[in-house]
Amino acid sequence: MECTADSNSTSCTCTYASCSKRGKCCQCVQFHRANGELPGCFFPPDAERTYDRSREAFIKAYSRKPA
């Protein structure tokens, strides 16, 4: 499978723009999984901007009751 980093980068929701894995989804997922984390694109925008990629932050983000 060919990496489509250029096209992935245009739709990547991660705000950590200087990341060397930006748009390289396979590398991003592997990196975060190895660190017990989730990629930023799995989080809603307000939670993603905290750069806390922990499982706990993911659960907290989606456990909030809608306003």
PDB file of N, CA and C in Angstrom:
ATOM      1  N   MET A   1       0.841  -1.176   0.000  1.00  0.00           N
ATOM      2  CA  MET A   1       0.000   0.000   0.000  1.00  0.00           C
ATOM      3  C   MET A   1       0.888   1.243   0.000  1.00  0.00           C
ATOM      4  N   GLU A   2       0.558   2.166  -0.854  1.00  0.00           N
ATOM      5  CA  GLU A   2       1.328   3.398  -0.963  1.00  0.00           C
ATOM      6  C   GLU A   2       0.801   4.432   0.022  1.00  0.00           C
ATOM      7  N   CYS A   3       1.704   5.125   0.702  1.00  0.00           N
ATOM      8  CA  CYS A   3       1.303   6.183   1.630  1.00  0.00           C
ATOM      9  C   CYS A   3       0.885   7.413   0.836  1.00  0.00           C
ATOM     10  N   THR A   4      -0.223   7.992   1.210  1.00  0.00           N
ATOM     11  CA  THR A   4      -0.720   9.189   0.538  1.00  0.00           C
ATOM     12  C   THR A   4      -0.613  10.381   1.483  1.00  0.00           C
ATOM     13  N   ALA A   5       0.592  10.602   2.012  1.00  0.00           N
ATOM     14  CA  ALA A   5       0.813  11.635   3.018  1.00  0.00           C
ATOM     15  C   ALA A   5       0.402  13.015   2.531  1.00  0.00           C
ATOM     16  N   ASP A   6       0.635  13.325   1.284  1.00  0.00           N
ATOM     17  CA  ASP A   6       0.285  14.658   0.786  1.00  0.00           C
ATOM     18  C   ASP A   6      -1.215  14.906   0.878  1.00  0.00           C
ATOM     19  N   SER A   7      -2.004  13.963   0.403  1.00  0.00           N
ATOM     20  CA  SER A   7      -3.453  14.150   0.474  1.00  0.00           C
ATOM     21  C   SER A   7      -3.970  13.978   1.896  1.00  0.00           C
ATOM     22  N   ASN A   8      -3.338  13.112   2.684  1.00  0.00           N
ATOM     23  CA  ASN A   8      -3.744  12.942   4.082  1.00  0.00           C
ATOM     24  C   ASN A   8      -3.514  14.220   4.877  1.00  0.00           C
ATOM     25  N   SER A   9      -2.421  14.930   4.594  1.00  0.00           N
ATOM     26  CA  SER A   9      -2.077  16.136   5.342  1.00  0.00           C
ATOM     27  C   SER A   9      -3.133  17.215   5.200  1.00  0.00           C
ATOM     28  N   THR A  10      -3.780  17.279   4.052  1.00  0.00           N
ATOM     29  CA  THR A  10      -4.776  18.330   3.853  1.00  0.00           C
ATOM     30  C   THR A  10      -6.029  18.104   4.694  1.00  0.00           C
ATOM     31  N   SER A  11      -6.316  16.865   5.054  1.00  0.00           N
ATOM     32  CA  SER A  11      -7.503  16.596   5.860  1.00  0.00           C
ATOM     33  C   SER A  11      -7.167  16.192   7.301  1.00  0.00           C
ATOM     34  N   CYS A  12      -5.901  16.202   7.660  1.00  0.00           N
ATOM     35  CA  CYS A  12      -5.476  15.819   9.007  1.00  0.00           C
ATOM     36  C   CYS A  12      -5.955  16.866  10.012  1.00  0.00           C
ATOM     37  N   THR A  13      -6.629  16.418  11.070  1.00  0.00           N
ATOM     38  CA  THR A  13      -7.166  17.337  12.071  1.00  0.00           C
ATOM     39  C   THR A  13      -6.216  17.591  13.237  1.00  0.00           C
ATOM     40  N   CYS A  14      -5.060  16.962  13.221  1.00  0.00           N
ATOM     41  CA  CYS A  14      -4.077  17.164  14.279  1.00  0.00           C
ATOM     42  C   CYS A  14      -3.502  18.581  14.175  1.00  0.00           C
ATOM     43  N   THR A  15      -3.497  19.302  15.279  1.00  0.00           N
ATOM     44  CA  THR A  15      -2.986  20.678  15.268  1.00  0.00           C
ATOM     45  C   THR A  15      -1.497  20.756  15.589  1.00  0.00           C
ATOM     46  N   TYR A  16      -0.845  19.627  15.801  1.00  0.00           N
ATOM     47  CA  TYR A  16       0.598  19.603  16.057  1.00  0.00           C
ATOM     48  C   TYR A  16       1.302  19.600  14.703  1.00  0.00           C
ATOM     49  N   ALA A  17       1.360  20.775  14.079  1.00  0.00           N
ATOM     50  CA  ALA A  17       1.809  20.923  12.695  1.00  0.00           C
ATOM     51  C   ALA A  17       3.257  20.512  12.458  1.00  0.00           C
ATOM     52  N   SER A  18       4.099  20.566  13.464  1.00  0.00           N
ATOM     53  CA  SER A  18       5.514  20.237  13.263  1.00  0.00           C
ATOM     54  C   SER A  18       5.812  18.745  13.411  1.00  0.00           C
ATOM     55  N   CYS A  19       4.799  17.928  13.601  1.00  0.00           N
ATOM     56  CA  CYS A  19       4.999  16.487  13.771  1.00  0.00           C
ATOM     57  C   CYS A  19       5.492  15.865  12.469  1.00  0.00           C
ATOM     58  N   SER A  20       6.523  15.059  12.551  1.00  0.00           N
ATOM     59  CA  SER A  20       7.086  14.402  11.363  1.00  0.00           C
ATOM     60  C   SER A  20       6.167  13.303  10.828  1.00  0.00           C
ATOM     61  N   LYS A  21       5.180  12.912  11.615  1.00  0.00           N
ATOM     62  CA  LYS A  21       4.250  11.859  11.190  1.00  0.00           C
ATOM     63  C   LYS A  21       2.935  12.427  10.657  1.00  0.00           C
ATOM     64  N   ARG A  22       2.813  13.734  10.583  1.00  0.00           N
ATOM     65  CA  ARG A  22       1.582  14.385  10.118  1.00  0.00           C
ATOM     66  C   ARG A  22       1.258  13.922   8.699  1.00  0.00           C
ATOM     67  N   GLY A  23       0.066  13.374   8.517  1.00  0.00           N
ATOM     68  CA  GLY A  23      -0.364  12.874   7.218  1.00  0.00           C
ATOM     69  C   GLY A  23       0.089  11.454   6.927  1.00  0.00           C
ATOM     70  N   LYS A  24       0.965  10.933   7.737  1.00  0.00           N
ATOM     71  CA  LYS A  24       1.453   9.556   7.581  1.00  0.00           C
ATOM     72  C   LYS A  24       0.728   8.707   8.618  1.00  0.00           C
ATOM     73  N   CYS A  25      -0.529   8.416   8.318  1.00  0.00           N
ATOM     74  CA  CYS A  25      -1.421   7.803   9.296  1.00  0.00           C
ATOM     75  C   CYS A  25      -0.879   6.508   9.882  1.00  0.00           C
ATOM     76  N   CYS A  26      -0.292   5.656   9.054  1.00  0.00           N
ATOM     77  CA  CYS A  26       0.239   4.378   9.562  1.00  0.00           C
ATOM     78  C   CYS A  26       1.295   4.622  10.627  1.00  0.00           C
ATOM     79  N   GLN A  27       2.219   5.553  10.363  1.00  0.00           N
ATOM     80  CA  GLN A  27       3.269   5.865  11.325  1.00  0.00           C
ATOM     81  C   GLN A  27       2.695   6.511  12.577  1.00  0.00           C
ATOM     82  N   CYS A  28       1.721   7.378  12.395  1.00  0.00           N
ATOM     83  CA  CYS A  28       1.090   8.071  13.521  1.00  0.00           C
ATOM     84  C   CYS A  28       0.411   7.077  14.455  1.00  0.00           C
ATOM     85  N   VAL A  29      -0.396   6.190  13.894  1.00  0.00           N
ATOM     86  CA  VAL A  29      -1.102   5.199  14.712  1.00  0.00           C
ATOM     87  C   VAL A  29      -0.103   4.298  15.431  1.00  0.00           C
ATOM     88  N   GLN A  30       0.928   3.833  14.732  1.00  0.00           N
ATOM     89  CA  GLN A  30       1.936   2.980  15.358  1.00  0.00           C
ATOM     90  C   GLN A  30       2.626   3.695  16.509  1.00  0.00           C
ATOM     91  N   PHE A  31       2.988   4.948  16.304  1.00  0.00           N
ATOM     92  CA  PHE A  31       3.676   5.737  17.330  1.00  0.00           C
ATOM     93  C   PHE A  31       2.809   5.870  18.579  1.00  0.00           C
ATOM     94  N   HIS A  32       1.580   6.312  18.393  1.00  0.00           N
ATOM     95  CA  HIS A  32       0.712   6.527  19.549  1.00  0.00           C
ATOM     96  C   HIS A  32       0.329   5.214  20.235  1.00  0.00           C
ATOM     97  N   ARG A  33       0.115   4.179  19.454  1.00  0.00           N
ATOM     98  CA  ARG A  33      -0.230   2.881  20.043  1.00  0.00           C
ATOM     99  C   ARG A  33       0.924   2.362  20.908  1.00  0.00           C
ATOM    100  N   ALA A  34       2.139   2.512  20.430  1.00  0.00           N
ATOM    101  CA  ALA A  34       3.311   2.063  21.189  1.00  0.00           C
ATOM    102  C   ALA A  34       3.465   2.825  22.501  1.00  0.00           C
ATOM    103  N   ASN A  35       2.892   4.031  22.553  1.00  0.00           N
ATOM    104  CA  ASN A  35       2.979   4.858  23.748  1.00  0.00           C
ATOM    105  C   ASN A  35       1.698   4.810  24.592  1.00  0.00           C
ATOM    106  N   GLY A  36       0.798   3.877  24.268  1.00  0.00           N
ATOM    107  CA  GLY A  36      -0.444   3.754  25.026  1.00  0.00           C
ATOM    108  C   GLY A  36      -1.382   4.922  24.812  1.00  0.00           C
ATOM    109  N   GLU A  37      -1.317   5.525  23.636  1.00  0.00           N
ATOM    110  CA  GLU A  37      -2.106   6.712  23.322  1.00  0.00           C
ATOM    111  C   GLU A  37      -2.980   6.468  22.092  1.00  0.00           C
ATOM    112  N   LEU A  38      -3.769   7.481  21.764  1.00  0.00           N
ATOM    113  CA  LEU A  38      -4.570   7.501  20.545  1.00  0.00           C
ATOM    114  C   LEU A  38      -4.145   8.694  19.706  1.00  0.00           C
ATOM    115  N   PRO A  39      -4.234   8.598  18.386  1.00  0.00           N
ATOM    116  CA  PRO A  39      -3.882   9.738  17.527  1.00  0.00           C
ATOM    117  C   PRO A  39      -4.843  10.915  17.747  1.00  0.00           C
ATOM    118  N   GLY A  40      -4.361  12.109  17.483  1.00  0.00           N
ATOM    119  CA  GLY A  40      -5.162  13.317  17.671  1.00  0.00           C
ATOM    120  C   GLY A  40      -6.449  13.324  16.877  1.00  0.00           C
ATOM    121  N   CYS A  41      -6.457  12.681  15.712  1.00  0.00           N
ATOM    122  CA  CYS A  41      -7.648  12.692  14.861  1.00  0.00           C
ATOM    123  C   CYS A  41      -8.815  11.923  15.472  1.00  0.00           C
ATOM    124  N   PHE A  42      -8.579  11.166  16.522  1.00  0.00           N
ATOM    125  CA  PHE A  42      -9.650  10.429  17.188  1.00  0.00           C
ATOM    126  C   PHE A  42     -10.422  11.314  18.167  1.00  0.00           C
ATOM    127  N   PHE A  43      -9.888  12.494  18.493  1.00  0.00           N
ATOM    128  CA  PHE A  43     -10.455  13.372  19.505  1.00  0.00           C
ATOM    129  C   PHE A  43     -11.301  14.482  18.890  1.00  0.00           C
ATOM    130  N   PRO A  44     -12.291  14.979  19.632  1.00  0.00           N
ATOM    131  CA  PRO A  44     -13.001  16.162  19.168  1.00  0.00           C
ATOM    132  C   PRO A  44     -12.047  17.365  19.218  1.00  0.00           C
ATOM    133  N   PRO A  45     -12.291  18.406  18.433  1.00  0.00           N
ATOM    134  CA  PRO A  45     -11.343  19.525  18.319  1.00  0.00           C
ATOM    135  C   PRO A  45     -10.880  20.132  19.643  1.00  0.00           C
ATOM    136  N   ASP A  46     -11.778  20.375  20.582  1.00  0.00           N
ATOM    137  CA  ASP A  46     -11.366  21.001  21.839  1.00  0.00           C
ATOM    138  C   ASP A  46     -10.435  20.109  22.652  1.00  0.00           C
ATOM    139  N   ALA A  47     -10.661  18.823  22.632  1.00  0.00           N
ATOM    140  CA  ALA A  47      -9.791  17.893  23.359  1.00  0.00           C
ATOM    141  C   ALA A  47      -8.482  17.664  22.616  1.00  0.00           C
ATOM    142  N   GLU A  48      -8.516  17.664  21.290  1.00  0.00           N
ATOM    143  CA  GLU A  48      -7.302  17.457  20.493  1.00  0.00           C
ATOM    144  C   GLU A  48      -6.292  18.552  20.768  1.00  0.00           C
ATOM    145  N   ARG A  49      -6.755  19.795  20.915  1.00  0.00           N
ATOM    146  CA  ARG A  49      -5.851  20.938  21.110  1.00  0.00           C
ATOM    147  C   ARG A  49      -5.078  20.881  22.423  1.00  0.00           C
ATOM    148  N   THR A  50      -5.465  19.993  23.347  1.00  0.00           N
ATOM    149  CA  THR A  50      -4.732  19.878  24.613  1.00  0.00           C
ATOM    150  C   THR A  50      -3.458  19.052  24.447  1.00  0.00           C
ATOM    151  N   TYR A  51      -3.351  18.321  23.342  1.00  0.00           N
ATOM    152  CA  TYR A  51      -2.224  17.411  23.059  1.00  0.00           C
ATOM    153  C   TYR A  51      -2.127  16.265  24.052  1.00  0.00           C
ATOM    154  N   ASP A  52      -3.162  16.056  24.849  1.00  0.00           N
ATOM    155  CA  ASP A  52      -3.205  14.905  25.753  1.00  0.00           C
ATOM    156  C   ASP A  52      -3.830  13.758  24.967  1.00  0.00           C
ATOM    157  N   ARG A  53      -3.009  12.811  24.543  1.00  0.00           N
ATOM    158  CA  ARG A  53      -3.464  11.706  23.699  1.00  0.00           C
ATOM    159  C   ARG A  53      -3.741  10.439  24.499  1.00  0.00           C
ATOM    160  N   SER A  54      -3.852  10.580  25.795  1.00  0.00           N
ATOM    161  CA  SER A  54      -4.048   9.406  26.649  1.00  0.00           C
ATOM    162  C   SER A  54      -5.434   8.800  26.446  1.00  0.00           C
ATOM    163  N   ARG A  55      -5.532   7.535  26.810  1.00  0.00           N
ATOM    164  CA  ARG A  55      -6.828   6.846  26.753  1.00  0.00           C
ATOM    165  C   ARG A  55      -7.819   7.512  27.695  1.00  0.00           C
ATOM    166  N   GLU A  56      -7.306   7.948  28.827  1.00  0.00           N
ATOM    167  CA  GLU A  56      -8.163   8.602  29.808  1.00  0.00           C
ATOM    168  C   GLU A  56      -8.758   9.889  29.242  1.00  0.00           C
ATOM    169  N   ALA A  57      -7.933  10.674  28.522  1.00  0.00           N
ATOM    170  CA  ALA A  57      -8.421  11.920  27.922  1.00  0.00           C
ATOM    171  C   ALA A  57      -9.469  11.628  26.844  1.00  0.00           C
ATOM    172  N   PHE A  58      -9.272  10.543  26.109  1.00  0.00           N
ATOM    173  CA  PHE A  58     -10.236  10.139  25.082  1.00  0.00           C
ATOM    174  C   PHE A  58     -11.583   9.791  25.719  1.00  0.00           C
ATOM    175  N   ILE A  59     -11.540   8.994  26.762  1.00  0.00           N
ATOM    176  CA  ILE A  59     -12.768   8.600  27.449  1.00  0.00           C
ATOM    177  C   ILE A  59     -13.456   9.822  28.049  1.00  0.00           C
ATOM    178  N   LYS A  60     -12.680  10.698  28.664  1.00  0.00           N
ATOM    179  CA  LYS A  60     -13.240  11.914  29.256  1.00  0.00           C
ATOM    180  C   LYS A  60     -13.898  12.786  28.182  1.00  0.00           C
ATOM    181  N   ALA A  61     -13.253  12.922  27.051  1.00  0.00           N
ATOM    182  CA  ALA A  61     -13.781  13.765  25.964  1.00  0.00           C
ATOM    183  C   ALA A  61     -15.128  13.271  25.465  1.00  0.00           C
ATOM    184  N   TYR A  62     -15.295  11.968  25.394  1.00  0.00           N
ATOM    185  CA  TYR A  62     -16.538  11.407  24.871  1.00  0.00           C
ATOM    186  C   TYR A  62     -17.532  11.038  25.966  1.00  0.00           C
ATOM    187  N   SER A  63     -17.159  11.254  27.227  1.00  0.00           N
ATOM    188  CA  SER A  63     -18.072  10.989  28.330  1.00  0.00           C
ATOM    189  C   SER A  63     -18.833  12.239  28.759  1.00  0.00           C
ATOM    190  N   ARG A  64     -18.435  13.381  28.220  1.00  0.00           N
ATOM    191  CA  ARG A  64     -19.115  14.632  28.562  1.00  0.00           C
ATOM    192  C   ARG A  64     -20.552  14.605  28.078  1.00  0.00           C
ATOM    193  N   LYS A  65     -21.403  15.150  28.896  1.00  0.00           N
ATOM    194  CA  LYS A  65     -22.817  15.227  28.514  1.00  0.00           C
ATOM    195  C   LYS A  65     -22.983  16.433  27.589  1.00  0.00           C
ATOM    196  N   PRO A  66     -23.737  16.278  26.486  1.00  0.00           N
ATOM    197  CA  PRO A  66     -23.973  17.413  25.588  1.00  0.00           C
ATOM    198  C   PRO A  66     -24.717  18.536  26.307  1.00  0.00           C
ATOM    199  N   ALA A  67     -24.383  19.754  25.945  1.00  0.00           N
ATOM    200  CA  ALA A  67     -25.003  20.932  26.586  1.00  0.00           C
ATOM    201  C   ALA A  67     -26.432  21.132  26.153  1.00  0.00           C
TER     202      ALA A  67
END
